[in-house]
Amino acid sequence: MEMNVKSLEQVFTQTVKFFEWLLAGIIIVAVIAEGTMLVHDLFSYIMEGEIMEKFQDFLAHALLYIIGLEVALMLIKHDMTLVMDIIIFAIARKMIILNVHMWEILVGILAIFILYYLKCYGLSCRFFPNRP
């Protein structure tokens, strides 16, 4: 009975890992497909002289694709620092896209600073002492 539970647990673990890899692959393919469209749009903005009007949209899409790639990497690696990277990119994207007040920008900068500090000094040293 004990052996059946362990083997069943291994089957479930392998199944979940397979679907995580599958989902990560789908996200990567989608980001690559959308990224090529983004590059095409960027060239059309440049040729039509609309780069200044469309640059904020370009940055919003580019940061969204970066967040998508980070999520795919997180599904593959299961690393805590990748979660912090995703949060940092999400905060930066919101600060760039939305027309926010100065105090909201300052709060965003403070949040990014705290996350970078935790990523560089807090998490890697305290929770993972063997990491460089």
Foldseek 3Di string as FASTA:
>chain_A
DVVVVVVVVVVVVVVLLVVLLVVLVVLVVVLVVVVVVLVVVCVVCVVVVNCVVCVLVSVLSVLVSVLSNLSSVCSNPVDPLSVLVSVLSVLVSCVSNDPDDPVSVVVSVVSNVVSVCCSVPNCCCPVPVVDD
